[in-house]
């Protein structure tokens, strides 16, 4: 095993996820990340009901929830991009 892989603080891969608009707001009980709190191994932004309520009230339109057909289309696009760029793709 290479020295790089022996350091448990270095990720072996990345999990890229995304959410529809307004479905996981800062302050949510699950915690959240932003551009200042988005490093491997660091804690999420803690829950804050008042902040979540504020964020919900300031949405410019209702939350976006993807239907089955939309999710299938997005997965297909991600797989095609990975293939073109010769990235390994695993679920």
C-alpha atoms as a PDB file:
ATOM      1  CA  UNK A   1       0.000   0.000   0.000  1.00  0.00           C
ATOM      2  CA  UNK A   2       1.369   3.422  -0.868  1.00  0.00           C
ATOM      3  CA  UNK A   3       2.133   5.928   1.837  1.00  0.00           C
ATOM      4  CA  UNK A   4      -0.692   8.179   0.606  1.00  0.00           C
ATOM      5  CA  UNK A   5      -3.262   5.435   1.159  1.00  0.00           C
ATOM      6  CA  UNK A   6      -1.999   4.731   4.671  1.00  0.00           C
ATOM      7  CA  UNK A   7      -3.106   8.187   5.823  1.00  0.00           C
ATOM      8  CA  UNK A   8      -6.742   7.688   6.830  1.00  0.00           C
ATOM      9  CA  UNK A   9      -7.435  11.410   6.492  1.00  0.00           C
ATOM     10  CA  UNK A  10      -7.099  11.247   2.705  1.00  0.00           C
ATOM     11  CA  UNK A  11     -10.295  10.076   0.980  1.00  0.00           C
ATOM     12  CA  UNK A  12     -10.045   7.191  -1.485  1.00  0.00           C
ATOM     13  CA  UNK A  13     -12.903   8.598  -3.503  1.00  0.00           C
ATOM     14  CA  UNK A  14     -15.598  11.217  -3.494  1.00  0.00           C
ATOM     15  CA  UNK A  15     -19.343  10.975  -3.174  1.00  0.00           C
ATOM     16  CA  UNK A  16     -21.005  13.737  -5.129  1.00  0.00           C
ATOM     17  CA  UNK A  17     -24.612  14.430  -4.245  1.00  0.00           C
ATOM     18  CA  UNK A  18     -27.046  17.228  -4.852  1.00  0.00           C
ATOM     19  CA  UNK A  19     -30.493  18.207  -3.721  1.00  0.00           C
ATOM     20  CA  UNK A  20     -33.384  19.984  -5.333  1.00  0.00           C
ATOM     21  CA  UNK A  21     -33.889  23.653  -4.504  1.00  0.00           C
ATOM     22  CA  UNK A  22     -35.185  24.158  -0.965  1.00  0.00           C
ATOM     23  CA  UNK A  23     -35.118  20.504   0.142  1.00  0.00           C
ATOM     24  CA  UNK A  24     -32.176  20.730   2.580  1.00  0.00           C
ATOM     25  CA  UNK A  25     -31.771  24.181   4.053  1.00  0.00           C
ATOM     26  CA  UNK A  26     -29.079  25.536   6.358  1.00  0.00           C
ATOM     27  CA  UNK A  27     -30.296  24.993   9.893  1.00  0.00           C
ATOM     28  CA  UNK A  28     -31.876  21.604   9.032  1.00  0.00           C
ATOM     29  CA  UNK A  29     -31.693  18.930  11.771  1.00  0.00           C
ATOM     30  CA  UNK A  30     -29.387  16.849   9.521  1.00  0.00           C
ATOM     31  CA  UNK A  31     -26.764  19.602   9.523  1.00  0.00           C
ATOM     32  CA  UNK A  32     -25.495  21.207   6.335  1.00  0.00           C
ATOM     33  CA  UNK A  33     -22.399  22.431   4.525  1.00  0.00           C
ATOM     34  CA  UNK A  34     -21.522  25.591   2.679  1.00  0.00           C
ATOM     35  CA  UNK A  35     -18.418  26.775   0.855  1.00  0.00           C
ATOM     36  CA  UNK A  36     -16.739  27.551   4.195  1.00  0.00           C
ATOM     37  CA  UNK A  37     -17.695  24.240   5.894  1.00  0.00           C
ATOM     38  CA  UNK A  38     -17.084  21.672   3.163  1.00  0.00           C
ATOM     39  CA  UNK A  39     -13.769  19.936   3.829  1.00  0.00           C
ATOM     40  CA  UNK A  40     -13.251  16.218   4.235  1.00  0.00           C
ATOM     41  CA  UNK A  41     -13.389  15.187   7.877  1.00  0.00           C
ATOM     42  CA  UNK A  42     -14.748  18.475   9.221  1.00  0.00           C
ATOM     43  CA  UNK A  43     -18.074  18.804  11.040  1.00  0.00           C
ATOM     44  CA  UNK A  44     -21.247  20.026   9.363  1.00  0.00           C
ATOM     45  CA  UNK A  45     -22.983  23.253  10.282  1.00  0.00           C
ATOM     46  CA  UNK A  46     -25.103  22.331  13.330  1.00  0.00           C
ATOM     47  CA  UNK A  47     -28.926  22.392  13.287  1.00  0.00           C
ATOM     48  CA  UNK A  48     -30.623  25.687  14.060  1.00  0.00           C
ATOM     49  CA  UNK A  49     -34.449  25.818  13.903  1.00  0.00           C
ATOM     50  CA  UNK A  50     -34.607  29.614  13.687  1.00  0.00           C
ATOM     51  CA  UNK A  51     -32.132  29.708  10.776  1.00  0.00           C
ATOM     52  CA  UNK A  52     -33.995  26.916   8.975  1.00  0.00           C
ATOM     53  CA  UNK A  53     -37.320  28.754   9.445  1.00  0.00           C
ATOM     54  CA  UNK A  54     -35.794  31.968   8.092  1.00  0.00           C
ATOM     55  CA  UNK A  55     -34.396  30.118   5.064  1.00  0.00           C
ATOM     56  CA  UNK A  56     -37.727  28.403   4.377  1.00  0.00           C
ATOM     57  CA  UNK A  57     -39.582  31.734   4.551  1.00  0.00           C
ATOM     58  CA  UNK A  58     -37.172  33.394   2.111  1.00  0.00           C
ATOM     59  CA  UNK A  59     -37.390  30.776  -0.655  1.00  0.00           C
ATOM     60  CA  UNK A  60     -38.302  32.453  -3.942  1.00  0.00           C
ATOM     61  CA  UNK A  61     -40.419  29.455  -5.021  1.00  0.00           C
ATOM     62  CA  UNK A  62     -41.544  26.098  -3.581  1.00  0.00           C
ATOM     63  CA  UNK A  63     -38.964  23.341  -3.001  1.00  0.00           C
ATOM     64  CA  UNK A  64     -38.109  21.271  -6.093  1.00  0.00           C
ATOM     65  CA  UNK A  65     -38.598  17.530  -5.733  1.00  0.00           C
ATOM     66  CA  UNK A  66     -37.444  15.390  -8.649  1.00  0.00           C
ATOM     67  CA  UNK A  67     -39.768  12.754 -10.045  1.00  0.00           C
ATOM     68  CA  UNK A  68     -38.707   9.275 -11.189  1.00  0.00           C
ATOM     69  CA  UNK A  69     -38.170  10.270 -14.839  1.00  0.00           C
ATOM     70  CA  UNK A  70     -36.071  13.273 -13.828  1.00  0.00           C
ATOM     71  CA  UNK A  71     -33.885  11.168 -11.525  1.00  0.00           C
ATOM     72  CA  UNK A  72     -33.361   8.566 -14.280  1.00  0.00           C
ATOM     73  CA  UNK A  73     -32.356  11.286 -16.764  1.00  0.00           C
ATOM     74  CA  UNK A  74     -29.890  12.798 -14.288  1.00  0.00           C
ATOM     75  CA  UNK A  75     -28.310   9.425 -13.523  1.00  0.00           C
ATOM     76  CA  UNK A  76     -27.938   8.743 -17.263  1.00  0.00           C
ATOM     77  CA  UNK A  77     -26.217  12.115 -17.775  1.00  0.00           C
ATOM     78  CA  UNK A  78     -23.822  11.477 -14.876  1.00  0.00           C
ATOM     79  CA  UNK A  79     -22.929   8.020 -16.215  1.00  0.00           C
ATOM     80  CA  UNK A  80     -22.331   9.419 -19.724  1.00  0.00           C
ATOM     81  CA  UNK A  81     -20.088  12.172 -18.357  1.00  0.00           C
ATOM     82  CA  UNK A  82     -18.067   9.656 -16.321  1.00  0.00           C
ATOM     83  CA  UNK A  83     -17.646   7.454 -19.397  1.00  0.00           C
ATOM     84  CA  UNK A  84     -16.519  10.344 -21.619  1.00  0.00           C
ATOM     85  CA  UNK A  85     -14.008  11.531 -19.017  1.00  0.00           C
ATOM     86  CA  UNK A  86     -12.896   7.955 -18.231  1.00  0.00           C
ATOM     87  CA  UNK A  87     -13.811   8.312 -14.563  1.00  0.00           C
ATOM     88  CA  UNK A  88     -14.698   5.215 -12.583  1.00  0.00           C
ATOM     89  CA  UNK A  89     -18.356   5.244 -11.599  1.00  0.00           C
ATOM     90  CA  UNK A  90     -19.771   3.093  -8.843  1.00  0.00           C
ATOM     91  CA  UNK A  91     -22.986   2.953  -6.916  1.00  0.00           C
END
